[in-house]
Protein backbone atom coordinates (compact mmCIF):
# COMPACT_ATOMS: atom_id res chain seq x y z
CA MET A 1 0.00 0.00 0.00
CA VAL A 2 2.93 2.34 0.64
CA ALA A 3 4.06 1.89 -2.98
CA VAL A 4 0.55 2.68 -4.26
CA TRP A 5 0.15 5.80 -2.13
CA THR A 6 3.57 7.42 -2.51
CA PRO A 7 4.83 9.33 -5.54
CA LEU A 8 7.56 7.76 -7.65
CA GLY A 9 10.90 8.16 -5.95
CA LEU A 10 13.05 6.63 -3.22
CA VAL A 11 10.25 5.78 -0.76
CA ASN A 12 8.14 4.21 -3.50
CA THR A 13 11.05 2.18 -4.86
CA ALA A 14 12.11 1.02 -1.38
CA ALA A 15 8.54 -0.02 -0.46
CA THR A 16 8.14 -1.93 -3.71
CA LEU A 17 11.48 -3.68 -3.32
CA MET A 18 10.75 -4.60 0.32
CA ALA A 19 7.37 -6.05 -0.66
CA VAL A 20 8.85 -8.11 -3.51
CA LEU A 21 11.72 -9.43 -1.39
CA SER A 22 9.40 -10.23 1.52
CA ILE A 23 6.96 -12.18 -0.68
CA LEU A 24 9.78 -14.10 -2.37
CA TRP A 25 11.50 -14.91 0.93
CA LEU A 26 8.27 -16.01 2.65
CA THR A 27 7.26 -18.06 -0.40
CA ALA A 28 10.63 -19.81 -0.52
CA ARG A 29 10.27 -20.71 3.17
CA SER A 30 6.63 -21.84 2.88
CA PRO A 31 5.55 -25.47 3.25
CA TYR A 32 3.54 -25.38 0.00
CA SER A 33 4.61 -27.54 -2.94
CA LEU A 34 4.90 -26.24 -6.50
CA ARG A 35 1.58 -27.94 -7.31
CA GLU A 36 -0.18 -26.39 -4.27
CA SER A 37 1.24 -23.00 -5.30
CA GLY A 38 -0.12 -23.39 -8.84
CA LEU A 39 3.35 -23.37 -10.34
CA ASN A 40 2.94 -26.74 -12.03
CA ALA A 41 2.31 -27.18 -15.75
CA PRO A 42 -1.22 -26.12 -16.64
CA GLY A 43 -3.45 -29.03 -17.42
CA ARG A 44 -6.92 -29.81 -16.23
CA GLY A 45 -9.06 -26.71 -16.30
CA MET A 46 -6.95 -24.67 -18.68
CA LEU A 47 -9.68 -24.61 -21.34
CA VAL A 48 -12.34 -23.76 -18.75
CA THR A 49 -10.23 -20.90 -17.40
CA LEU A 50 -9.44 -19.52 -20.86
CA GLY A 51 -13.08 -19.94 -21.92
CA PHE A 52 -14.25 -17.86 -18.94
CA GLY A 53 -11.67 -15.24 -19.80
CA ILE A 54 -12.68 -14.95 -23.44
CA ALA A 55 -16.38 -14.74 -22.54
CA LEU A 56 -15.74 -12.04 -19.93
CA ALA A 57 -13.48 -10.09 -22.31
CA ALA A 58 -16.28 -10.07 -24.91
CA LEU A 59 -18.75 -8.87 -22.25
CA ILE A 60 -16.38 -6.09 -21.14
CA ALA A 61 -15.76 -5.00 -24.73
CA ALA A 62 -19.53 -4.84 -25.36
CA ALA A 63 -20.04 -2.80 -22.18
CA GLY A 64 -17.27 -0.49 -23.35
CA VAL A 65 -19.11 0.25 -26.58
CA LEU A 66 -22.15 1.37 -24.59
CA LEU A 67 -20.23 3.30 -21.92
CA ARG A 68 -18.06 5.20 -24.42
CA GLN A 69 -21.19 6.81 -25.87
CA THR A 70 -21.77 8.56 -22.53
CA PHE A 71 -18.37 8.80 -20.87
CA GLY A 72 -15.99 9.26 -23.80
CA PRO A 73 -13.25 7.21 -25.43
CA ALA A 74 -10.95 4.58 -24.00
CA HIS A 75 -7.23 5.17 -23.70
CA PRO A 76 -5.17 3.45 -26.43
CA VAL A 77 -2.94 0.66 -25.11
CA PRO A 78 0.46 0.62 -26.85
CA MET A 79 1.92 -2.83 -27.54
CA HIS A 80 4.99 -2.29 -25.32
CA ARG A 81 2.64 -1.59 -22.40
CA ALA A 82 0.50 -4.64 -23.20
CA TRP A 83 3.25 -7.21 -22.72
CA GLN A 84 4.50 -5.38 -19.61
CA TYR A 85 1.00 -5.53 -18.20
CA ALA A 86 0.78 -9.24 -19.03
CA ILE A 87 3.88 -9.89 -16.90
CA TRP A 88 2.48 -7.69 -14.11
CA ALA A 89 -0.86 -9.57 -14.27
CA LEU A 90 0.93 -12.90 -13.76
CA ALA A 91 2.88 -11.42 -10.85
CA GLN A 92 -0.36 -10.13 -9.30
CA GLU A 93 -1.92 -13.58 -9.57
CA PHE A 94 1.13 -15.14 -7.94
CA ILE A 95 0.77 -12.68 -5.04
CA LEU A 96 -3.00 -13.18 -4.81
CA GLN A 97 -3.13 -16.96 -5.19
CA SER A 98 0.22 -18.47 -4.26
CA PHE A 99 0.88 -16.09 -1.40
CA PHE A 100 -2.33 -14.69 0.13
CA TYR A 101 -5.05 -17.16 -0.85
CA LEU A 102 -3.05 -20.28 0.11
CA ARG A 103 -2.28 -18.92 3.56
CA LEU A 104 -5.79 -17.62 4.13
CA GLN A 105 -7.28 -20.93 2.96
CA SER A 106 -5.26 -22.86 5.53
CA VAL A 107 -6.79 -20.72 8.29
CA LEU A 108 -10.25 -19.77 7.00
CA GLY A 109 -11.24 -22.47 4.52
CA HIS A 110 -11.89 -21.92 0.82
CA ARG A 111 -14.96 -19.66 0.76
CA ARG A 112 -13.91 -17.19 3.43
CA ALA A 113 -10.34 -17.17 2.13
CA ALA A 114 -11.56 -16.30 -1.37
CA TRP A 115 -13.66 -13.41 -0.06
CA PHE A 116 -10.92 -12.11 2.20
CA ALA A 117 -8.28 -12.38 -0.53
CA ALA A 118 -10.62 -10.61 -2.96
CA VAL A 119 -11.08 -7.74 -0.51
CA LEU A 120 -7.30 -7.46 -0.03
CA PHE A 121 -6.81 -7.50 -3.80
CA ALA A 122 -9.49 -4.85 -4.42
CA VAL A 123 -8.37 -2.46 -1.68
CA VAL A 124 -5.13 -1.88 -3.57
CA ASP A 125 -7.16 -0.36 -6.44
CA LEU A 126 -8.76 2.33 -4.27
CA PRO A 127 -9.83 5.08 -4.84
CA SER A 128 -10.84 4.04 -8.38
CA PRO A 129 -14.44 2.86 -7.91
CA LEU A 130 -14.61 0.95 -11.19
CA LEU A 131 -11.24 -0.80 -10.86
CA THR A 132 -11.93 -1.62 -7.21
CA LEU A 133 -15.24 -3.29 -8.10
CA LEU A 134 -13.80 -5.13 -11.12
CA SER A 135 -10.74 -6.25 -9.13
CA PHE A 136 -12.95 -7.63 -6.36
CA LEU A 137 -15.13 -9.58 -8.78
CA GLY A 138 -12.12 -10.76 -10.78
CA ALA A 139 -10.30 -11.90 -7.63
CA LEU A 140 -13.33 -13.94 -6.53
CA LEU A 141 -13.39 -15.66 -9.92
CA PHE A 142 -9.62 -16.19 -9.97
CA CYS A 143 -9.60 -17.64 -6.44
CA GLU A 144 -12.36 -20.09 -7.42
CA LEU A 145 -10.50 -21.14 -10.57
CA PHE A 146 -7.28 -21.49 -8.60
CA HIS A 147 -9.04 -23.57 -5.94
CA ARG A 148 -10.47 -25.91 -8.57
CA PHE A 149 -7.53 -26.23 -10.97
CA ARG A 150 -4.35 -25.01 -9.18
CA ALA A 151 -2.87 -23.59 -12.38
CA LEU A 152 -1.43 -20.09 -12.09
CA VAL A 153 -0.40 -19.51 -15.72
CA PRO A 154 -3.88 -19.69 -17.31
CA ILE A 155 -5.28 -17.47 -14.56
CA GLY A 156 -2.48 -14.96 -15.15
CA LEU A 157 -3.21 -15.01 -18.90
CA VAL A 158 -6.91 -14.40 -18.28
CA HIS A 159 -6.05 -11.61 -15.83
CA ALA A 160 -3.90 -9.99 -18.53
CA LEU A 161 -6.62 -10.44 -21.16
CA LEU A 162 -9.28 -8.90 -18.93
CA GLY A 163 -7.08 -6.04 -17.74
CA LEU A 164 -6.06 -5.12 -21.27
CA THR A 165 -9.67 -5.41 -22.46
CA ILE A 166 -10.77 -3.10 -19.64
CA ALA A 167 -8.03 -0.58 -20.50
CA ALA A 168 -8.75 -0.65 -24.24
CA SER A 169 -12.55 -0.78 -24.02
CA LEU A 170 -13.82 1.20 -21.05
CA PRO A 171 -13.83 5.02 -20.98
CA ASP A 172 -10.63 6.58 -19.72
CA SER A 173 -12.68 9.20 -17.87
CA LEU A 174 -13.67 6.35 -15.52
CA LEU A 175 -10.31 4.58 -15.42
CA HIS A 176 -7.74 7.42 -15.32
CA HIS A 177 -5.30 5.30 -17.40
CA MET A 178 -5.86 2.36 -14.98
CA ARG A 179 -4.11 4.26 -12.22
CA VAL A 180 -4.76 3.55 -8.55
CA GLY A 181 -3.81 5.16 -5.25
CA ILE A 182 -2.09 8.51 -5.51
CA GLY A 183 -1.80 8.12 -9.29
CA TYR A 184 -5.60 8.05 -9.60
CA LEU A 185 -5.93 11.21 -7.51
CA MET A 186 -3.15 13.04 -9.35
CA TYR A 187 -4.46 12.10 -12.80
CA HIS A 188 -5.02 14.98 -15.25
CA PRO A 189 -6.40 14.17 -18.74
């Protein structure tokens, strides 16, 4: 949260680096196997996961057509940003599923862990109302898919597909270039 709510600079970089190192260190010391962490080769459920993603992307794109008539155009997504976002989406799913959800599930059980993890995931997108809502709903879906299939890569691909579809389809006046935290508040079109 410090990285999201501080301007770019030394504090932001230090907070981001500390978070990354902490997650990697705690993951390396965890009792979870590669399969439990979803780091195994995708297999069973990959088509289901990708199918959900494609259907949701089509729904988001259709909603974007309607919303742009009232709220203005979407922000173009350059290709170099698209692949960077795809990597970031996979990293987010690792943090959500392999780090938070697994630990919460061991204490709370599947249903409560999914809801709690979804809330944690969505809070990071505050104060953007649209991204917070979409992140919460997406995290619930991703936790359910992870619980059923334990395959991180297809979930990360779907996360990337949905995030890029949101960015390219929904009005930028609502998304502020997909910025969150201080970036959302400081946004100027």
